[in-house]
Amino acid sequence: MRWFRQAELKQGKVLAVIAAVGFVAGLVLMNMGKKALLYNTGLLSEYTLYDMKYSGVDKHAFFLYLLQKRVGTALILAVLSTTWLGLAAAWTGTAWLGVSFGMLVMASMLRYGLKGILLILAGVFPQILVYFPAALLLLQWSCEFCTAIYYPERLQEFHEMKDKSLLLRKKALRFPILIGALVFGCLLEGYINPGIMTGLLKFF
């Protein structure tokens, strides 16, 4: 289909739309199921915030945990991108990120109103400045790498290079850069964000 071929050439826009739709869906889901998903689970409860406020954070251990989680997920996505499930995995991952963040935002707002927005902003700053573009580029890379392996004719770069192996090498060399961005995001989240959260929680 012509539309599908055009969408493959604009994966970044496609992923952004999927993430936006997922975010809205997350808002709606949390609002509709707030009793089961929020109040019965204790998500972002005052007790949880109290524990975060007065429990010390081992920043080094937290960083290593984040590193294992974020880079591990990226490696799994990279492996899946070498299979025919690569596109589906990237789209599903994008939707999940949108839905989960939407649910978290709505949960915080339902719990604390306008203060909940500040809580979310503090919770994602400053690492969101790195994570957001890195995640979008990583997901786009996954789509393009899978496409380069199985449907290279859909990529404009393939028609310019006329060499599939060269195209794959070019795509593969971009992956370490994205991993480096994730590592930097982990540093921000592990060593800087805890101080921001602790400062904000004094007002809760």
Protein backbone atom coordinates (compact mmCIF):
# COMPACT_ATOMS: atom_id res chain seq x y z
CA MET A 1 0.00 0.00 0.00
CA ARG A 2 1.23 3.47 -0.87
CA TRP A 3 0.24 4.89 2.51
CA PHE A 4 2.19 2.17 4.34
CA ARG A 5 5.28 2.87 2.24
CA GLN A 6 5.06 6.59 3.05
CA ALA A 7 4.62 5.83 6.76
CA GLU A 8 7.77 3.72 6.73
CA LEU A 9 9.69 6.71 5.42
CA LYS A 10 8.41 8.87 8.27
CA GLN A 11 8.74 6.55 11.26
CA GLY A 12 9.55 9.39 13.64
CA LYS A 13 6.19 11.03 13.00
CA VAL A 14 4.38 7.71 13.19
CA LEU A 15 5.97 6.91 16.56
CA ALA A 16 5.16 10.40 17.88
CA VAL A 17 1.50 9.90 16.97
CA ILE A 18 1.43 6.46 18.60
CA ALA A 19 2.98 7.90 21.77
CA ALA A 20 0.48 10.78 21.84
CA VAL A 21 -2.50 8.44 21.36
CA GLY A 22 -1.12 6.15 24.06
CA PHE A 23 -0.72 9.09 26.44
CA VAL A 24 -4.34 10.15 25.98
CA ALA A 25 -5.47 6.54 26.38
CA GLY A 26 -3.49 6.33 29.63
CA LEU A 27 -5.21 9.45 30.97
CA VAL A 28 -8.63 8.03 30.13
CA LEU A 29 -7.89 4.56 31.51
CA MET A 30 -6.65 5.86 34.85
CA ASN A 31 -9.57 8.25 35.18
CA MET A 32 -12.11 5.53 34.39
CA GLY A 33 -10.49 2.86 36.56
CA LYS A 34 -9.18 5.06 39.35
CA LYS A 35 -10.70 2.93 42.10
CA ALA A 36 -8.99 -0.27 41.00
CA LEU A 37 -5.85 1.22 39.48
CA LEU A 38 -5.18 4.02 41.96
CA TYR A 39 -6.86 3.79 45.33
CA ASN A 40 -6.73 0.01 45.68
CA THR A 41 -3.05 -0.15 44.73
CA GLY A 42 -1.68 2.71 46.79
CA LEU A 43 -0.04 4.26 43.72
CA LEU A 44 1.56 7.60 44.68
CA SER A 45 -0.09 7.44 48.09
CA GLU A 46 0.94 9.77 50.91
CA TYR A 47 2.64 6.83 52.60
CA THR A 48 4.72 6.21 49.47
CA LEU A 49 5.76 9.86 49.28
CA TYR A 50 6.55 9.91 53.00
CA ASP A 51 8.82 6.91 52.54
CA MET A 52 10.53 8.61 49.58
CA LYS A 53 10.93 11.81 51.58
CA TYR A 54 12.61 10.35 54.64
CA SER A 55 14.37 7.29 53.25
CA GLY A 56 17.89 7.98 52.03
CA VAL A 57 18.70 7.11 48.43
CA ASP A 58 21.88 5.24 47.60
CA LYS A 59 22.56 7.19 44.42
CA HIS A 60 25.24 4.83 43.14
CA ALA A 61 23.05 1.76 43.58
CA PHE A 62 20.11 3.64 42.06
CA PHE A 63 22.23 4.58 39.04
CA LEU A 64 23.34 0.99 38.51
CA TYR A 65 19.72 -0.18 38.74
CA LEU A 66 18.64 2.42 36.17
CA LEU A 67 21.55 1.53 33.92
CA GLN A 68 20.65 -2.14 33.96
CA LYS A 69 16.98 -1.41 33.32
CA ARG A 70 17.29 1.25 30.61
CA VAL A 71 20.24 -0.20 28.69
CA GLY A 72 18.85 -3.72 29.09
CA THR A 73 15.57 -2.65 27.51
CA ALA A 74 17.44 -0.94 24.67
CA LEU A 75 19.46 -4.11 24.01
CA ILE A 76 16.31 -6.25 23.95
CA LEU A 77 14.76 -3.81 21.48
CA ALA A 78 17.91 -3.96 19.35
CA VAL A 79 17.78 -7.76 19.28
CA LEU A 80 14.10 -7.72 18.35
CA SER A 81 14.83 -5.21 15.58
CA THR A 82 16.87 -7.90 13.83
CA THR A 83 13.78 -10.09 13.60
CA TRP A 84 10.53 -9.68 11.71
CA LEU A 85 8.96 -8.64 15.05
CA GLY A 86 11.08 -5.48 15.12
CA LEU A 87 8.46 -3.07 13.83
CA ALA A 88 5.72 -4.48 16.06
CA ALA A 89 8.03 -4.35 19.08
CA ALA A 90 8.89 -0.69 18.45
CA TRP A 91 5.27 0.32 17.94
CA THR A 92 4.14 -1.65 21.00
CA GLY A 93 6.93 -0.18 23.12
CA THR A 94 6.01 3.33 22.01
CA ALA A 95 2.34 2.79 22.84
CA TRP A 96 3.25 1.35 26.25
CA LEU A 97 5.44 4.32 27.10
CA GLY A 98 2.63 6.69 26.18
CA VAL A 99 -0.03 4.78 28.11
CA SER A 100 2.08 4.30 31.24
CA PHE A 101 3.14 7.97 31.37
CA GLY A 102 -0.45 9.09 30.79
CA MET A 103 -1.67 6.89 33.63
CA LEU A 104 1.06 8.18 35.95
CA VAL A 105 0.21 11.82 35.17
CA MET A 106 -3.50 11.27 35.75
CA ALA A 107 -2.81 9.33 38.96
CA SER A 108 -0.72 12.19 40.31
CA MET A 109 -3.38 14.75 39.40
CA LEU A 110 -6.18 12.70 40.96
CA ARG A 111 -4.17 12.35 44.16
CA TYR A 112 -2.80 15.86 44.56
CA GLY A 113 -4.48 18.16 42.04
CA LEU A 114 -2.23 20.91 40.71
CA LYS A 115 0.55 19.83 43.05
CA GLY A 116 0.47 16.51 41.25
CA ILE A 117 1.68 18.21 38.07
CA LEU A 118 4.67 19.58 39.98
CA LEU A 119 5.31 16.11 41.35
CA ILE A 120 5.46 14.63 37.85
CA LEU A 121 7.64 17.44 36.53
CA ALA A 122 10.07 17.00 39.41
CA GLY A 123 10.03 13.23 38.95
CA VAL A 124 11.15 13.39 35.33
CA PHE A 125 13.54 16.36 35.48
CA PRO A 126 16.25 16.74 34.25
CA GLN A 127 16.53 13.27 32.71
CA ILE A 128 13.47 13.77 30.51
CA LEU A 129 15.52 16.24 28.45
CA VAL A 130 17.71 13.30 27.43
CA TYR A 131 15.34 10.35 27.71
CA PHE A 132 12.57 11.74 25.50
CA PRO A 133 14.63 12.41 22.36
CA ALA A 134 16.82 9.35 23.00
CA ALA A 135 13.80 7.05 23.38
CA LEU A 136 12.12 8.43 20.28
CA LEU A 137 15.34 8.11 18.25
CA LEU A 138 15.97 4.61 19.59
CA LEU A 139 12.48 3.45 18.65
CA GLN A 140 12.85 5.07 15.24
CA TRP A 141 16.24 3.40 14.85
CA SER A 142 14.68 0.05 15.69
CA CYS A 143 12.03 0.51 13.02
CA GLU A 144 14.58 1.61 10.44
CA PHE A 145 17.03 -1.19 11.26
CA CYS A 146 14.30 -3.82 10.94
CA THR A 147 13.15 -2.20 7.71
CA ALA A 148 16.74 -2.12 6.39
CA ILE A 149 17.03 -5.87 6.97
CA TYR A 150 13.68 -7.03 5.59
CA TYR A 151 12.30 -4.19 3.46
CA PRO A 152 15.34 -2.07 2.41
CA GLU A 153 13.57 -0.79 -0.70
CA ARG A 154 11.28 1.25 1.56
CA LEU A 155 14.18 3.37 2.82
CA GLN A 156 15.39 6.33 0.80
CA GLU A 157 18.95 5.71 2.05
CA PHE A 158 18.96 2.31 0.35
CA HIS A 159 18.18 3.84 -3.03
CA GLU A 160 20.95 6.38 -2.48
CA MET A 161 23.57 3.80 -1.40
CA LYS A 162 22.52 0.84 -3.56
CA ASP A 163 24.22 -1.38 -0.97
CA LYS A 164 22.28 -3.17 1.76
CA SER A 165 25.36 -4.18 3.80
CA LEU A 166 26.64 -0.58 3.83
CA LEU A 167 23.20 0.62 4.91
CA LEU A 168 23.12 -1.88 7.79
CA ARG A 169 26.59 -0.86 8.96
CA LYS A 170 25.59 2.79 8.89
CA LYS A 171 22.48 2.05 10.96
CA ALA A 172 24.39 -0.17 13.41
CA LEU A 173 26.96 2.55 14.10
CA ARG A 174 24.21 4.83 15.36
CA PHE A 175 23.20 2.43 18.14
CA PRO A 176 26.21 3.06 20.47
CA ILE A 177 25.48 6.79 20.30
CA LEU A 178 21.92 6.17 21.46
CA ILE A 179 23.18 3.93 24.25
CA GLY A 180 25.53 6.71 25.32
CA ALA A 181 22.59 9.10 25.52
CA LEU A 182 20.69 6.63 27.71
CA VAL A 183 23.69 6.28 30.03
CA PHE A 184 23.86 10.06 30.37
CA GLY A 185 20.13 10.10 31.17
CA CYS A 186 20.72 7.46 33.85
CA LEU A 187 23.43 9.66 35.39
CA LEU A 188 21.00 12.58 35.57
CA GLU A 189 18.21 10.44 36.99
CA GLY A 190 20.43 8.62 39.45
CA TYR A 191 22.51 11.46 40.84
CA ILE A 192 20.57 14.70 40.28
CA ASN A 193 16.86 13.86 40.27
CA PRO A 194 16.77 12.40 43.84
CA GLY A 195 17.81 15.78 45.23
CA ILE A 196 15.09 17.55 43.24
CA MET A 197 12.46 15.09 44.42
CA THR A 198 13.52 15.35 48.04
CA GLY A 199 13.31 19.14 47.85
CA LEU A 200 9.83 19.09 46.36
CA LEU A 201 8.47 16.50 48.77
CA LYS A 202 9.04 18.90 51.64
CA PHE A 203 5.90 20.67 50.43
CA PHE A 204 3.76 17.51 50.38
